[in-house]
Amino acid sequence: MRKILILLILYAAAYGGFRQTHIEVWEKDNQAYVIFPTGSLGKAMYYAWRPLTYADAALTGMRFHIGAHQ
């Protein structure tokens, strides 16, 4: 049980760290987005953290995007 709790804490902490270092405000709509990298790694991160992004969006209004806005 303790190992599962530690893994969940590490999972949430990794997301939190990534989120804080990858926020970008898009000029088109003046909204903040967490930008995930392009490619397979970015997609894997996006889907691995998807449950947390849903909660984050509901609580903070944050938006998410794979790759930079064009």
N, C-alpha and C. Protein backbone atom coordinates (compact mmCIF):
# COMPACT_ATOMS: atom_id res chain seq x y z
N MET A 1 0.82 -1.19 0.00
CA MET A 1 0.00 0.00 0.00
C MET A 1 0.87 1.26 0.00
N ARG A 2 1.92 1.24 0.77
CA ARG A 2 2.81 2.39 0.86
C ARG A 2 3.47 2.67 -0.49
N LYS A 3 3.85 1.63 -1.21
CA LYS A 3 4.48 1.80 -2.53
C LYS A 3 3.53 2.45 -3.51
N ILE A 4 2.27 2.07 -3.46
CA ILE A 4 1.27 2.67 -4.35
C ILE A 4 1.10 4.15 -4.04
N LEU A 5 1.05 4.48 -2.77
CA LEU A 5 0.93 5.89 -2.36
C LEU A 5 2.14 6.69 -2.83
N ILE A 6 3.32 6.14 -2.68
CA ILE A 6 4.54 6.82 -3.13
C ILE A 6 4.50 7.02 -4.64
N LEU A 7 4.07 6.01 -5.39
CA LEU A 7 3.98 6.13 -6.85
C LEU A 7 2.97 7.20 -7.26
N LEU A 8 1.84 7.27 -6.57
CA LEU A 8 0.84 8.30 -6.87
C LEU A 8 1.36 9.70 -6.57
N ILE A 9 2.11 9.82 -5.49
CA ILE A 9 2.69 11.13 -5.15
C ILE A 9 3.72 11.53 -6.19
N LEU A 10 4.56 10.59 -6.62
CA LEU A 10 5.56 10.88 -7.66
C LEU A 10 4.89 11.23 -8.98
N TYR A 11 3.83 10.54 -9.33
CA TYR A 11 3.06 10.81 -10.55
C TYR A 11 2.52 12.24 -10.54
N ALA A 12 1.89 12.62 -9.43
CA ALA A 12 1.33 13.97 -9.31
C ALA A 12 2.43 15.02 -9.26
N ALA A 13 3.52 14.73 -8.58
CA ALA A 13 4.63 15.70 -8.49
C ALA A 13 5.29 15.89 -9.86
N ALA A 14 5.44 14.83 -10.62
CA ALA A 14 6.03 14.94 -11.96
C ALA A 14 5.13 15.81 -12.84
N TYR A 15 3.83 15.59 -12.77
CA TYR A 15 2.90 16.42 -13.54
C TYR A 15 3.00 17.88 -13.10
N GLY A 16 3.00 18.11 -11.79
CA GLY A 16 3.06 19.47 -11.27
C GLY A 16 4.32 20.20 -11.71
N GLY A 17 5.44 19.51 -11.67
CA GLY A 17 6.69 20.11 -12.12
C GLY A 17 6.67 20.43 -13.60
N PHE A 18 6.16 19.50 -14.39
CA PHE A 18 6.06 19.72 -15.83
C PHE A 18 5.13 20.88 -16.12
N ARG A 19 4.00 20.91 -15.45
CA ARG A 19 3.00 21.96 -15.67
C ARG A 19 3.59 23.34 -15.41
N GLN A 20 4.32 23.49 -14.32
CA GLN A 20 4.86 24.79 -13.96
C GLN A 20 5.94 25.27 -14.91
N THR A 21 6.60 24.37 -15.59
CA THR A 21 7.70 24.76 -16.48
C THR A 21 7.31 24.81 -17.95
N HIS A 22 6.07 24.47 -18.28
CA HIS A 22 5.66 24.43 -19.68
C HIS A 22 4.37 25.20 -19.96
N ILE A 23 4.16 26.30 -19.25
CA ILE A 23 2.98 27.13 -19.47
C ILE A 23 3.31 28.23 -20.47
N GLU A 24 2.41 28.43 -21.40
CA GLU A 24 2.57 29.47 -22.43
C GLU A 24 1.24 30.17 -22.62
N VAL A 25 1.26 31.47 -22.72
CA VAL A 25 0.04 32.24 -23.00
C VAL A 25 -0.05 32.45 -24.50
N TRP A 26 -1.15 31.99 -25.07
CA TRP A 26 -1.35 32.12 -26.51
C TRP A 26 -1.92 33.49 -26.78
N GLU A 27 -1.27 34.24 -27.65
CA GLU A 27 -1.69 35.61 -27.94
C GLU A 27 -3.07 35.70 -28.58
N LYS A 28 -3.43 34.67 -29.34
CA LYS A 28 -4.71 34.70 -30.06
C LYS A 28 -5.90 34.79 -29.11
N ASP A 29 -5.87 34.03 -28.01
CA ASP A 29 -7.00 34.06 -27.08
C ASP A 29 -6.62 34.52 -25.67
N ASN A 30 -5.35 34.86 -25.48
CA ASN A 30 -4.83 35.36 -24.20
C ASN A 30 -5.10 34.38 -23.05
N GLN A 31 -5.08 33.08 -23.35
CA GLN A 31 -5.29 32.04 -22.36
C GLN A 31 -3.98 31.30 -22.11
N ALA A 32 -3.80 30.82 -20.89
CA ALA A 32 -2.61 30.03 -20.55
C ALA A 32 -2.85 28.57 -20.94
N TYR A 33 -1.82 27.96 -21.50
CA TYR A 33 -1.85 26.56 -21.91
C TYR A 33 -0.62 25.84 -21.38
N VAL A 34 -0.78 24.58 -21.02
CA VAL A 34 0.36 23.72 -20.77
C VAL A 34 0.69 23.11 -22.13
N ILE A 35 1.92 23.32 -22.60
CA ILE A 35 2.32 22.85 -23.92
C ILE A 35 3.14 21.57 -23.77
N PHE A 36 2.61 20.49 -24.33
CA PHE A 36 3.32 19.22 -24.35
C PHE A 36 4.18 19.15 -25.61
N PRO A 37 5.34 18.48 -25.54
CA PRO A 37 6.20 18.40 -26.72
C PRO A 37 5.52 17.65 -27.86
N THR A 38 5.95 17.94 -29.08
CA THR A 38 5.44 17.20 -30.23
C THR A 38 6.10 15.84 -30.27
N GLY A 39 5.54 14.96 -31.05
CA GLY A 39 6.12 13.63 -31.21
C GLY A 39 5.54 12.63 -30.24
N SER A 40 6.08 11.42 -30.30
CA SER A 40 5.53 10.32 -29.50
C SER A 40 5.72 10.53 -28.00
N LEU A 41 6.82 11.15 -27.59
CA LEU A 41 7.02 11.40 -26.16
C LEU A 41 5.98 12.37 -25.63
N GLY A 42 5.73 13.44 -26.36
CA GLY A 42 4.72 14.41 -25.93
C GLY A 42 3.34 13.80 -25.85
N LYS A 43 2.99 12.99 -26.83
CA LYS A 43 1.68 12.33 -26.81
C LYS A 43 1.57 11.36 -25.64
N ALA A 44 2.65 10.62 -25.37
CA ALA A 44 2.65 9.68 -24.25
C ALA A 44 2.46 10.42 -22.93
N MET A 45 3.16 11.55 -22.77
CA MET A 45 3.02 12.35 -21.56
C MET A 45 1.60 12.90 -21.44
N TYR A 46 1.08 13.39 -22.55
CA TYR A 46 -0.26 13.96 -22.57
C TYR A 46 -1.30 12.93 -22.10
N TYR A 47 -1.22 11.73 -22.65
CA TYR A 47 -2.21 10.71 -22.28
C TYR A 47 -1.94 10.10 -20.92
N ALA A 48 -0.68 10.00 -20.51
CA ALA A 48 -0.37 9.46 -19.18
C ALA A 48 -0.91 10.37 -18.08
N TRP A 49 -0.82 11.68 -18.31
CA TRP A 49 -1.28 12.65 -17.32
C TRP A 49 -2.71 13.11 -17.56
N ARG A 50 -3.41 12.51 -18.49
CA ARG A 50 -4.75 12.96 -18.84
C ARG A 50 -5.70 13.05 -17.64
N PRO A 51 -5.70 12.05 -16.73
CA PRO A 51 -6.61 12.19 -15.57
C PRO A 51 -6.32 13.45 -14.75
N LEU A 52 -5.05 13.80 -14.60
CA LEU A 52 -4.70 15.00 -13.85
C LEU A 52 -5.03 16.27 -14.62
N THR A 53 -4.92 16.22 -15.95
CA THR A 53 -5.24 17.42 -16.72
C THR A 53 -6.74 17.73 -16.66
N TYR A 54 -7.57 16.68 -16.61
CA TYR A 54 -9.01 16.92 -16.46
C TYR A 54 -9.30 17.62 -15.14
N ALA A 55 -8.69 17.14 -14.06
CA ALA A 55 -8.88 17.76 -12.75
C ALA A 55 -8.32 19.18 -12.74
N ASP A 56 -7.15 19.35 -13.33
CA ASP A 56 -6.52 20.67 -13.40
C ASP A 56 -7.40 21.65 -14.16
N ALA A 57 -7.93 21.23 -15.28
CA ALA A 57 -8.81 22.10 -16.08
C ALA A 57 -10.06 22.48 -15.30
N ALA A 58 -10.64 21.52 -14.61
CA ALA A 58 -11.86 21.80 -13.84
C ALA A 58 -11.59 22.75 -12.68
N LEU A 59 -10.44 22.61 -12.03
CA LEU A 59 -10.14 23.43 -10.86
C LEU A 59 -9.55 24.80 -11.19
N THR A 60 -8.75 24.87 -12.26
CA THR A 60 -8.01 26.10 -12.54
C THR A 60 -8.36 26.75 -13.87
N GLY A 61 -9.04 26.02 -14.74
CA GLY A 61 -9.34 26.56 -16.07
C GLY A 61 -8.17 26.46 -17.04
N MET A 62 -7.11 25.77 -16.64
CA MET A 62 -5.94 25.60 -17.50
C MET A 62 -6.34 24.83 -18.76
N ARG A 63 -5.65 25.15 -19.84
CA ARG A 63 -5.87 24.47 -21.11
C ARG A 63 -4.59 23.74 -21.50
N PHE A 64 -4.71 22.81 -22.45
CA PHE A 64 -3.59 21.94 -22.79
C PHE A 64 -3.47 21.81 -24.30
N HIS A 65 -2.24 21.63 -24.77
CA HIS A 65 -2.00 21.56 -26.19
C HIS A 65 -0.74 20.75 -26.45
N ILE A 66 -0.77 19.90 -27.45
CA ILE A 66 0.44 19.19 -27.88
C ILE A 66 1.09 20.01 -28.97
N GLY A 67 2.31 20.44 -28.75
CA GLY A 67 3.05 21.25 -29.71
C GLY A 67 2.69 22.72 -29.58
N ALA A 68 3.59 23.54 -30.08
CA ALA A 68 3.40 24.99 -29.99
C ALA A 68 2.22 25.44 -30.84
N HIS A 69 1.57 26.52 -30.41
CA HIS A 69 0.49 27.10 -31.21
C HIS A 69 1.08 27.74 -32.47
N GLN A 70 0.29 27.73 -33.51
CA GLN A 70 0.75 28.30 -34.79
C GLN A 70 0.10 29.63 -35.04
